[in-house]
Amino acid sequence: MKRESQFQSNLIKELKKIFPGCFVLKNDSSYCQGIPDLLVLYKDHWAMLECKRYSKATHRPNQDYYIKKFGEMSYASFVSPENKEEVLNELQQAFQS
């Protein structure tokens, strides 16, 4: 099983391939506990993604809150190898509107 950092690195590369010209920024959880790992900026859209090594990985304090909150504002999701394709499909739909 890949480490979360390896999964995140590969995900960033894939996001940049699917969404040419996008910016993917890594957030600092020590600055704001529970903030999702990645901010994806594409044209006039944005999304927050929290990377997990596997789908059953534990959620840290506030992660569920921020995913829900940012999901109401734009798009936010937990992403793991098990649901990556589903999340990428949802992201493509969210970025088309």
PDB file of N, CA and C in Angstrom:
ATOM      1  N   MET A   1       0.842  -1.184   0.000  1.00  0.00           N
ATOM      2  CA  MET A   1       0.000   0.000   0.000  1.00  0.00           C
ATOM      3  C   MET A   1       0.887   1.249   0.000  1.00  0.00           C
ATOM      4  N   LYS A   2       0.511   2.199  -0.825  1.00  0.00           N
ATOM      5  CA  LYS A   2       1.272   3.441  -0.921  1.00  0.00           C
ATOM      6  C   LYS A   2       1.087   4.302   0.318  1.00  0.00           C
ATOM      7  N   ARG A   3       2.099   5.089   0.604  1.00  0.00           N
ATOM      8  CA  ARG A   3       1.967   6.089   1.661  1.00  0.00           C
ATOM      9  C   ARG A   3       1.039   7.184   1.160  1.00  0.00           C
ATOM     10  N   GLU A   4       0.425   7.894   2.106  1.00  0.00           N
ATOM     11  CA  GLU A   4      -0.485   8.981   1.725  1.00  0.00           C
ATOM     12  C   GLU A   4       0.220  10.033   0.889  1.00  0.00           C
ATOM     13  N   SER A   5       1.461  10.337   1.225  1.00  0.00           N
ATOM     14  CA  SER A   5       2.198  11.361   0.479  1.00  0.00           C
ATOM     15  C   SER A   5       2.409  10.937  -0.976  1.00  0.00           C
ATOM     16  N   GLN A   6       2.661   9.646  -1.210  1.00  0.00           N
ATOM     17  CA  GLN A   6       2.825   9.154  -2.578  1.00  0.00           C
ATOM     18  C   GLN A   6       1.508   9.252  -3.342  1.00  0.00           C
ATOM     19  N   PHE A   7       0.413   8.863  -2.685  1.00  0.00           N
ATOM     20  CA  PHE A   7      -0.899   8.961  -3.306  1.00  0.00           C
ATOM     21  C   PHE A   7      -1.203  10.415  -3.646  1.00  0.00           C
ATOM     22  N   GLN A   8      -0.931  11.320  -2.712  1.00  0.00           N
ATOM     23  CA  GLN A   8      -1.203  12.742  -2.917  1.00  0.00           C
ATOM     24  C   GLN A   8      -0.379  13.286  -4.090  1.00  0.00           C
ATOM     25  N   SER A   9       0.879  12.947  -4.153  1.00  0.00           N
ATOM     26  CA  SER A   9       1.750  13.403  -5.230  1.00  0.00           C
ATOM     27  C   SER A   9       1.238  12.934  -6.592  1.00  0.00           C
ATOM     28  N   ASN A  10       0.848  11.676  -6.685  1.00  0.00           N
ATOM     29  CA  ASN A  10       0.309  11.138  -7.941  1.00  0.00           C
ATOM     30  C   ASN A  10      -1.030  11.789  -8.287  1.00  0.00           C
ATOM     31  N   LEU A  11      -1.838  12.061  -7.286  1.00  0.00           N
ATOM     32  CA  LEU A  11      -3.127  12.713  -7.508  1.00  0.00           C
ATOM     33  C   LEU A  11      -2.923  14.118  -8.073  1.00  0.00           C
ATOM     34  N   ILE A  12      -1.975  14.861  -7.525  1.00  0.00           N
ATOM     35  CA  ILE A  12      -1.688  16.216  -8.012  1.00  0.00           C
ATOM     36  C   ILE A  12      -1.291  16.169  -9.490  1.00  0.00           C
ATOM     37  N   LYS A  13      -0.446  15.224  -9.861  1.00  0.00           N
ATOM     38  CA  LYS A  13      -0.033  15.084 -11.261  1.00  0.00           C
ATOM     39  C   LYS A  13      -1.235  14.788 -12.148  1.00  0.00           C
ATOM     40  N   GLU A  14      -2.114  13.921 -11.667  1.00  0.00           N
ATOM     41  CA  GLU A  14      -3.300  13.564 -12.446  1.00  0.00           C
ATOM     42  C   GLU A  14      -4.257  14.749 -12.576  1.00  0.00           C
ATOM     43  N   LEU A  15      -4.426  15.507 -11.500  1.00  0.00           N
ATOM     44  CA  LEU A  15      -5.285  16.696 -11.555  1.00  0.00           C
ATOM     45  C   LEU A  15      -4.771  17.689 -12.587  1.00  0.00           C
ATOM     46  N   LYS A  16      -3.456  17.901 -12.618  1.00  0.00           N
ATOM     47  CA  LYS A  16      -2.860  18.845 -13.566  1.00  0.00           C
ATOM     48  C   LYS A  16      -2.999  18.365 -15.007  1.00  0.00           C
ATOM     49  N   LYS A  17      -3.045  17.061 -15.197  1.00  0.00           N
ATOM     50  CA  LYS A  17      -3.240  16.500 -16.534  1.00  0.00           C
ATOM     51  C   LYS A  17      -4.696  16.643 -16.976  1.00  0.00           C
ATOM     52  N   ILE A  18      -5.627  16.367 -16.082  1.00  0.00           N
ATOM     53  CA  ILE A  18      -7.061  16.436 -16.408  1.00  0.00           C
ATOM     54  C   ILE A  18      -7.531  17.875 -16.571  1.00  0.00           C
ATOM     55  N   PHE A  19      -6.988  18.763 -15.731  1.00  0.00           N
ATOM     56  CA  PHE A  19      -7.393  20.170 -15.741  1.00  0.00           C
ATOM     57  C   PHE A  19      -6.186  21.047 -16.088  1.00  0.00           C
ATOM     58  N   PRO A  20      -5.840  21.128 -17.374  1.00  0.00           N
ATOM     59  CA  PRO A  20      -4.654  21.893 -17.783  1.00  0.00           C
ATOM     60  C   PRO A  20      -4.727  23.342 -17.294  1.00  0.00           C
ATOM     61  N   GLY A  21      -3.640  23.799 -16.739  1.00  0.00           N
ATOM     62  CA  GLY A  21      -3.571  25.170 -16.252  1.00  0.00           C
ATOM     63  C   GLY A  21      -4.104  25.358 -14.845  1.00  0.00           C
ATOM     64  N   CYS A  22      -4.549  24.284 -14.207  1.00  0.00           N
ATOM     65  CA  CYS A  22      -5.060  24.412 -12.839  1.00  0.00           C
ATOM     66  C   CYS A  22      -3.901  24.656 -11.868  1.00  0.00           C
ATOM     67  N   PHE A  23      -4.236  25.189 -10.733  1.00  0.00           N
ATOM     68  CA  PHE A  23      -3.282  25.332  -9.639  1.00  0.00           C
ATOM     69  C   PHE A  23      -3.714  24.395  -8.534  1.00  0.00           C
ATOM     70  N   VAL A  24      -2.779  23.640  -7.985  1.00  0.00           N
ATOM     71  CA  VAL A  24      -3.059  22.756  -6.857  1.00  0.00           C
ATOM     72  C   VAL A  24      -2.155  23.216  -5.712  1.00  0.00           C
ATOM     73  N   LEU A  25      -2.771  23.715  -4.659  1.00  0.00           N
ATOM     74  CA  LEU A  25      -2.034  24.232  -3.516  1.00  0.00           C
ATOM     75  C   LEU A  25      -2.184  23.284  -2.334  1.00  0.00           C
ATOM     76  N   LYS A  26      -1.071  23.014  -1.655  1.00  0.00           N
ATOM     77  CA  LYS A  26      -1.091  22.167  -0.466  1.00  0.00           C
ATOM     78  C   LYS A  26      -1.297  23.044   0.759  1.00  0.00           C
ATOM     79  N   ASN A  27      -2.293  22.703   1.550  1.00  0.00           N
ATOM     80  CA  ASN A  27      -2.604  23.464   2.757  1.00  0.00           C
ATOM     81  C   ASN A  27      -1.785  22.964   3.940  1.00  0.00           C
ATOM     82  N   ASP A  28      -1.596  23.809   4.923  1.00  0.00           N
ATOM     83  CA  ASP A  28      -0.813  23.514   6.116  1.00  0.00           C
ATOM     84  C   ASP A  28      -1.757  23.216   7.278  1.00  0.00           C
ATOM     85  N   SER A  29      -1.881  21.942   7.629  1.00  0.00           N
ATOM     86  CA  SER A  29      -2.799  21.556   8.703  1.00  0.00           C
ATOM     87  C   SER A  29      -2.349  22.076  10.064  1.00  0.00           C
ATOM     88  N   SER A  30      -1.073  22.431  10.199  1.00  0.00           N
ATOM     89  CA  SER A  30      -0.625  22.984  11.481  1.00  0.00           C
ATOM     90  C   SER A  30      -1.112  24.426  11.649  1.00  0.00           C
ATOM     91  N   TYR A  31      -1.461  25.069  10.539  1.00  0.00           N
ATOM     92  CA  TYR A  31      -2.007  26.423  10.590  1.00  0.00           C
ATOM     93  C   TYR A  31      -3.492  26.397  10.953  1.00  0.00           C
ATOM     94  N   CYS A  32      -4.217  25.434  10.370  1.00  0.00           N
ATOM     95  CA  CYS A  32      -5.654  25.320  10.616  1.00  0.00           C
ATOM     96  C   CYS A  32      -5.998  23.835  10.690  1.00  0.00           C
ATOM     97  N   GLN A  33      -6.174  23.323  11.899  1.00  0.00           N
ATOM     98  CA  GLN A  33      -6.388  21.887  12.111  1.00  0.00           C
ATOM     99  C   GLN A  33      -7.628  21.395  11.378  1.00  0.00           C
ATOM    100  N   GLY A  34      -7.455  20.360  10.580  1.00  0.00           N
ATOM    101  CA  GLY A  34      -8.560  19.734   9.878  1.00  0.00           C
ATOM    102  C   GLY A  34      -8.803  20.274   8.488  1.00  0.00           C
ATOM    103  N   ILE A  35      -8.094  21.327   8.091  1.00  0.00           N
ATOM    104  CA  ILE A  35      -8.272  21.892   6.757  1.00  0.00           C
ATOM    105  C   ILE A  35      -7.874  20.826   5.727  1.00  0.00           C
ATOM    106  N   PRO A  36      -8.636  20.669   4.652  1.00  0.00           N
ATOM    107  CA  PRO A  36      -8.290  19.645   3.651  1.00  0.00           C
ATOM    108  C   PRO A  36      -6.891  19.864   3.069  1.00  0.00           C
ATOM    109  N   ASP A  37      -6.293  18.781   2.620  1.00  0.00           N
ATOM    110  CA  ASP A  37      -4.912  18.792   2.128  1.00  0.00           C
ATOM    111  C   ASP A  37      -4.686  19.695   0.927  1.00  0.00           C
ATOM    112  N   LEU A  38      -5.626  19.673  -0.023  1.00  0.00           N
ATOM    113  CA  LEU A  38      -5.393  20.336  -1.302  1.00  0.00           C
ATOM    114  C   LEU A  38      -6.500  21.326  -1.652  1.00  0.00           C
ATOM    115  N   LEU A  39      -6.100  22.447  -2.218  1.00  0.00           N
ATOM    116  CA  LEU A  39      -7.011  23.410  -2.833  1.00  0.00           C
ATOM    117  C   LEU A  39      -6.729  23.360  -4.326  1.00  0.00           C
ATOM    118  N   VAL A  40      -7.763  23.079  -5.111  1.00  0.00           N
ATOM    119  CA  VAL A  40      -7.628  23.004  -6.565  1.00  0.00           C
ATOM    120  C   VAL A  40      -8.341  24.214  -7.163  1.00  0.00           C
ATOM    121  N   LEU A  41      -7.600  25.031  -7.910  1.00  0.00           N
ATOM    122  CA  LEU A  41      -8.154  26.213  -8.574  1.00  0.00           C
ATOM    123  C   LEU A  41      -8.123  25.975 -10.071  1.00  0.00           C
ATOM    124  N   TYR A  42      -9.297  26.084 -10.706  1.00  0.00           N
ATOM    125  CA  TYR A  42      -9.379  25.843 -12.144  1.00  0.00           C
ATOM    126  C   TYR A  42     -10.379  26.805 -12.755  1.00  0.00           C
ATOM    127  N   LYS A  43      -9.883  27.674 -13.621  1.00  0.00           N
ATOM    128  CA  LYS A  43     -10.700  28.720 -14.237  1.00  0.00           C
ATOM    129  C   LYS A  43     -11.412  29.484 -13.129  1.00  0.00           C
ATOM    130  N   ASP A  44     -12.748  29.482 -13.129  1.00  0.00           N
ATOM    131  CA  ASP A  44     -13.465  30.210 -12.081  1.00  0.00           C
ATOM    132  C   ASP A  44     -14.060  29.255 -11.040  1.00  0.00           C
ATOM    133  N   HIS A  45     -13.470  28.072 -10.903  1.00  0.00           N
ATOM    134  CA  HIS A  45     -13.953  27.060  -9.962  1.00  0.00           C
ATOM    135  C   HIS A  45     -12.860  26.714  -8.947  1.00  0.00           C
ATOM    136  N   TRP A  46     -13.281  26.117  -7.844  1.00  0.00           N
ATOM    137  CA  TRP A  46     -12.319  25.634  -6.858  1.00  0.00           C
ATOM    138  C   TRP A  46     -12.890  24.420  -6.139  1.00  0.00           C
ATOM    139  N   ALA A  47     -11.994  23.639  -5.551  1.00  0.00           N
ATOM    140  CA  ALA A  47     -12.385  22.450  -4.792  1.00  0.00           C
ATOM    141  C   ALA A  47     -11.351  22.198  -3.701  1.00  0.00           C
ATOM    142  N   MET A  48     -11.791  21.537  -2.646  1.00  0.00           N
ATOM    143  CA  MET A  48     -10.903  21.130  -1.558  1.00  0.00           C
ATOM    144  C   MET A  48     -10.923  19.602  -1.487  1.00  0.00           C
ATOM    145  N   LEU A  49      -9.750  18.998  -1.386  1.00  0.00           N
ATOM    146  CA  LEU A  49      -9.633  17.546  -1.312  1.00  0.00           C
ATOM    147  C   LEU A  49      -8.793  17.142  -0.111  1.00  0.00           C
ATOM    148  N   GLU A  50      -9.301  16.176   0.621  1.00  0.00           N
ATOM    149  CA  GLU A  50      -8.576  15.588   1.748  1.00  0.00           C
ATOM    150  C   GLU A  50      -8.128  14.196   1.331  1.00  0.00           C
ATOM    151  N   CYS A  51      -6.831  13.998   1.192  1.00  0.00           N
ATOM    152  CA  CYS A  51      -6.271  12.722   0.754  1.00  0.00           C
ATOM    153  C   CYS A  51      -6.166  11.750   1.919  1.00  0.00           C
ATOM    154  N   LYS A  52      -6.551  10.527   1.645  1.00  0.00           N
ATOM    155  CA  LYS A  52      -6.444   9.449   2.619  1.00  0.00           C
ATOM    156  C   LYS A  52      -5.740   8.265   1.970  1.00  0.00           C
ATOM    157  N   ARG A  53      -4.951   7.584   2.740  1.00  0.00           N
ATOM    158  CA  ARG A  53      -4.184   6.437   2.248  1.00  0.00           C
ATOM    159  C   ARG A  53      -5.108   5.311   1.796  1.00  0.00           C
ATOM    160  N   TYR A  54      -6.219   5.159   2.496  1.00  0.00           N
ATOM    161  CA  TYR A  54      -7.240   4.174   2.134  1.00  0.00           C
ATOM    162  C   TYR A  54      -8.575   4.667   2.689  1.00  0.00           C
ATOM    163  N   SER A  55      -9.667   4.131   2.166  1.00  0.00           N
ATOM    164  CA  SER A  55     -10.997   4.672   2.464  1.00  0.00           C
ATOM    165  C   SER A  55     -11.380   4.571   3.941  1.00  0.00           C
ATOM    166  N   LYS A  56     -10.850   3.620   4.656  1.00  0.00           N
ATOM    167  CA  LYS A  56     -11.208   3.424   6.071  1.00  0.00           C
ATOM    168  C   LYS A  56     -10.266   4.167   7.030  1.00  0.00           C
ATOM    169  N   ALA A  57      -9.364   4.969   6.490  1.00  0.00           N
ATOM    170  CA  ALA A  57      -8.434   5.721   7.343  1.00  0.00           C
ATOM    171  C   ALA A  57      -9.215   6.657   8.259  1.00  0.00           C
ATOM    172  N   THR A  58      -8.694   6.850   9.453  1.00  0.00           N
ATOM    173  CA  THR A  58      -9.396   7.699  10.417  1.00  0.00           C
ATOM    174  C   THR A  58      -9.371   9.159   9.974  1.00  0.00           C
ATOM    175  N   HIS A  59     -10.427   9.851  10.373  1.00  0.00           N
ATOM    176  CA  HIS A  59     -10.530  11.283  10.099  1.00  0.00           C
ATOM    177  C   HIS A  59     -10.062  12.030  11.338  1.00  0.00           C
ATOM    178  N   ARG A  60      -9.246  13.033  11.134  1.00  0.00           N
ATOM    179  CA  ARG A  60      -8.759  13.847  12.242  1.00  0.00           C
ATOM    180  C   ARG A  60      -9.827  14.853  12.640  1.00  0.00           C
ATOM    181  N   PRO A  61      -9.671  15.441  13.836  1.00  0.00           N
ATOM    182  CA  PRO A  61     -10.659  16.428  14.279  1.00  0.00           C
ATOM    183  C   PRO A  61     -10.848  17.539  13.237  1.00  0.00           C
ATOM    184  N   ASN A  62     -12.070  17.914  13.036  1.00  0.00           N
ATOM    185  CA  ASN A  62     -12.504  19.004  12.145  1.00  0.00           C
ATOM    186  C   ASN A  62     -12.512  18.649  10.660  1.00  0.00           C
ATOM    187  N   GLN A  63     -11.945  17.523  10.238  1.00  0.00           N
ATOM    188  CA  GLN A  63     -11.915  17.215   8.806  1.00  0.00           C
ATOM    189  C   GLN A  63     -13.322  17.056   8.233  1.00  0.00           C
ATOM    190  N   ASP A  64     -14.182  16.348   8.932  1.00  0.00           N
ATOM    191  CA  ASP A  64     -15.551  16.168   8.439  1.00  0.00           C
ATOM    192  C   ASP A  64     -16.272  17.510   8.348  1.00  0.00           C
ATOM    193  N   TYR A  65     -16.054  18.366   9.338  1.00  0.00           N
ATOM    194  CA  TYR A  65     -16.665  19.692   9.350  1.00  0.00           C
ATOM    195  C   TYR A  65     -16.259  20.485   8.107  1.00  0.00           C
ATOM    196  N   TYR A  66     -14.953  20.534   7.819  1.00  0.00           N
ATOM    197  CA  TYR A  66     -14.477  21.328   6.686  1.00  0.00           C
ATOM    198  C   TYR A  66     -14.920  20.741   5.342  1.00  0.00           C
ATOM    199  N   ILE A  67     -14.928  19.432   5.215  1.00  0.00           N
ATOM    200  CA  ILE A  67     -15.390  18.816   3.962  1.00  0.00           C
ATOM    201  C   ILE A  67     -16.853  19.180   3.725  1.00  0.00           C
ATOM    202  N   LYS A  68     -17.665  19.110   4.773  1.00  0.00           N
ATOM    203  CA  LYS A  68     -19.081  19.468   4.648  1.00  0.00           C
ATOM    204  C   LYS A  68     -19.231  20.952   4.315  1.00  0.00           C
ATOM    205  N   LYS A  69     -18.533  21.801   5.051  1.00  0.00           N
ATOM    206  CA  LYS A  69     -18.629  23.255   4.872  1.00  0.00           C
ATOM    207  C   LYS A  69     -18.186  23.676   3.465  1.00  0.00           C
ATOM    208  N   PHE A  70     -17.022  23.208   3.023  1.00  0.00           N
ATOM    209  CA  PHE A  70     -16.522  23.576   1.700  1.00  0.00           C
ATOM    210  C   PHE A  70     -17.348  22.924   0.591  1.00  0.00           C
ATOM    211  N   GLY A  71     -17.927  21.758   0.875  1.00  0.00           N
ATOM    212  CA  GLY A  71     -18.817  21.112  -0.089  1.00  0.00           C
ATOM    213  C   GLY A  71     -20.076  21.931  -0.325  1.00  0.00           C
ATOM    214  N   GLU A  72     -20.537  22.632   0.695  1.00  0.00           N
ATOM    215  CA  GLU A  72     -21.701  23.519   0.543  1.00  0.00           C
ATOM    216  C   GLU A  72     -21.339  24.759  -0.262  1.00  0.00           C
ATOM    217  N   MET A  73     -20.087  25.181  -0.189  1.00  0.00           N
ATOM    218  CA  MET A  73     -19.641  26.393  -0.881  1.00  0.00           C
ATOM    219  C   MET A  73     -19.253  26.125  -2.334  1.00  0.00           C
ATOM    220  N   SER A  74     -18.662  24.973  -2.582  1.00  0.00           N
ATOM    221  CA  SER A  74     -18.198  24.613  -3.921  1.00  0.00           C
ATOM    222  C   SER A  74     -18.169  23.086  -4.010  1.00  0.00           C
ATOM    223  N   TYR A  75     -16.982  22.497  -4.033  1.00  0.00           N
ATOM    224  CA  TYR A  75     -16.853  21.036  -4.042  1.00  0.00           C
ATOM    225  C   TYR A  75     -15.759  20.659  -3.062  1.00  0.00           C
ATOM    226  N   ALA A  76     -16.030  19.624  -2.258  1.00  0.00           N
ATOM    227  CA  ALA A  76     -15.031  19.102  -1.321  1.00  0.00           C
ATOM    228  C   ALA A  76     -15.305  17.622  -1.105  1.00  0.00           C
ATOM    229  N   SER A  77     -14.222  16.865  -0.911  1.00  0.00           N
ATOM    230  CA  SER A  77     -14.386  15.429  -0.727  1.00  0.00           C
ATOM    231  C   SER A  77     -13.133  14.818  -0.111  1.00  0.00           C
ATOM    232  N   PHE A  78     -13.359  13.709   0.577  1.00  0.00           N
ATOM    233  CA  PHE A  78     -12.248  12.837   0.943  1.00  0.00           C
ATOM    234  C   PHE A  78     -11.927  12.040  -0.310  1.00  0.00           C
ATOM    235  N   VAL A  79     -10.649  11.809  -0.581  1.00  0.00           N
ATOM    236  CA  VAL A  79     -10.260  11.026  -1.749  1.00  0.00           C
ATOM    237  C   VAL A  79      -9.200  10.009  -1.334  1.00  0.00           C
ATOM    238  N   SER A  80      -9.414   8.782  -1.778  1.00  0.00           N
ATOM    239  CA  SER A  80      -8.495   7.679  -1.496  1.00  0.00           C
ATOM    240  C   SER A  80      -8.357   6.865  -2.787  1.00  0.00           C
ATOM    241  N   PRO A  81      -7.429   5.925  -2.833  1.00  0.00           N
ATOM    242  CA  PRO A  81      -7.315   5.106  -4.047  1.00  0.00           C
ATOM    243  C   PRO A  81      -8.627   4.407  -4.414  1.00  0.00           C
ATOM    244  N   GLU A  82      -9.415   4.054  -3.405  1.00  0.00           N
ATOM    245  CA  GLU A  82     -10.663   3.325  -3.664  1.00  0.00           C
ATOM    246  C   GLU A  82     -11.730   4.188  -4.344  1.00  0.00           C
ATOM    247  N   ASN A  83     -11.759   5.487  -4.070  1.00  0.00           N
ATOM    248  CA  ASN A  83     -12.810   6.328  -4.658  1.00  0.00           C
ATOM    249  C   ASN A  83     -12.259   7.411  -5.587  1.00  0.00           C
ATOM    250  N   LYS A  84     -10.995   7.327  -5.926  1.00  0.00           N
ATOM    251  CA  LYS A  84     -10.345   8.382  -6.718  1.00  0.00           C
ATOM    252  C   LYS A  84     -11.080   8.654  -8.031  1.00  0.00           C
ATOM    253  N   GLU A  85     -11.423   7.619  -8.780  1.00  0.00           N
ATOM    254  CA  GLU A  85     -12.078   7.811 -10.081  1.00  0.00           C
ATOM    255  C   GLU A  85     -13.436   8.478  -9.909  1.00  0.00           C
ATOM    256  N   GLU A  86     -14.173   8.090  -8.897  1.00  0.00           N
ATOM    257  CA  GLU A  86     -15.476   8.705  -8.617  1.00  0.00           C
ATOM    258  C   GLU A  86     -15.309  10.192  -8.290  1.00  0.00           C
ATOM    259  N   VAL A  87     -14.345  10.514  -7.447  1.00  0.00           N
ATOM    260  CA  VAL A  87     -14.094  11.910  -7.075  1.00  0.00           C
ATOM    261  C   VAL A  87     -13.654  12.715  -8.293  1.00  0.00           C
ATOM    262  N   LEU A  88     -12.779  12.174  -9.125  1.00  0.00           N
ATOM    263  CA  LEU A  88     -12.334  12.888 -10.318  1.00  0.00           C
ATOM    264  C   LEU A  88     -13.500  13.140 -11.273  1.00  0.00           C
ATOM    265  N   ASN A  89     -14.405  12.173 -11.411  1.00  0.00           N
ATOM    266  CA  ASN A  89     -15.595  12.362 -12.242  1.00  0.00           C
ATOM    267  C   ASN A  89     -16.486  13.460 -11.677  1.00  0.00           C
ATOM    268  N   GLU A  90     -16.696  13.456 -10.364  1.00  0.00           N
ATOM    269  CA  GLU A  90     -17.501  14.492  -9.723  1.00  0.00           C
ATOM    270  C   GLU A  90     -16.849  15.859  -9.897  1.00  0.00           C
ATOM    271  N   LEU A  91     -15.549  15.895  -9.793  1.00  0.00           N
ATOM    272  CA  LEU A  91     -14.813  17.152  -9.951  1.00  0.00           C
ATOM    273  C   LEU A  91     -14.958  17.692 -11.380  1.00  0.00           C
ATOM    274  N   GLN A  92     -14.883  16.806 -12.366  1.00  0.00           N
ATOM    275  CA  GLN A  92     -15.078  17.233 -13.748  1.00  0.00           C
ATOM    276  C   GLN A  92     -16.468  17.842 -13.937  1.00  0.00           C
ATOM    277  N   GLN A  93     -17.474  17.232 -13.341  1.00  0.00           N
ATOM    278  CA  GLN A  93     -18.835  17.769 -13.434  1.00  0.00           C
ATOM    279  C   GLN A  93     -18.932  19.115 -12.725  1.00  0.00           C
ATOM    280  N   ALA A  94     -18.337  19.216 -11.552  1.00  0.00           N
ATOM    281  CA  ALA A  94     -18.382  20.464 -10.793  1.00  0.00           C
ATOM    282  C   ALA A  94     -17.668  21.593 -11.528  1.00  0.00           C
ATOM    283  N   PHE A  95     -16.591  21.275 -12.228  1.00  0.00           N
ATOM    284  CA  PHE A  95     -15.816  22.297 -12.920  1.00  0.00           C
ATOM    285  C   PHE A  95     -16.417  22.677 -14.272  1.00  0.00           C
ATOM    286  N   GLN A  96     -17.408  21.934 -14.747  1.00  0.00           N
ATOM    287  CA  GLN A  96     -18.055  22.260 -16.021  1.00  0.00           C
ATOM    288  C   GLN A  96     -19.169  23.284 -15.846  1.00  0.00           C
ATOM    289  N   SER A  97     -19.739  23.382 -14.660  1.00  0.00           N
ATOM    290  CA  SER A  97     -20.896  24.271 -14.477  1.00  0.00           C
ATOM    291  C   SER A  97     -20.509  25.730 -14.433  1.00  0.00           C
TER     292      SER A  97
END
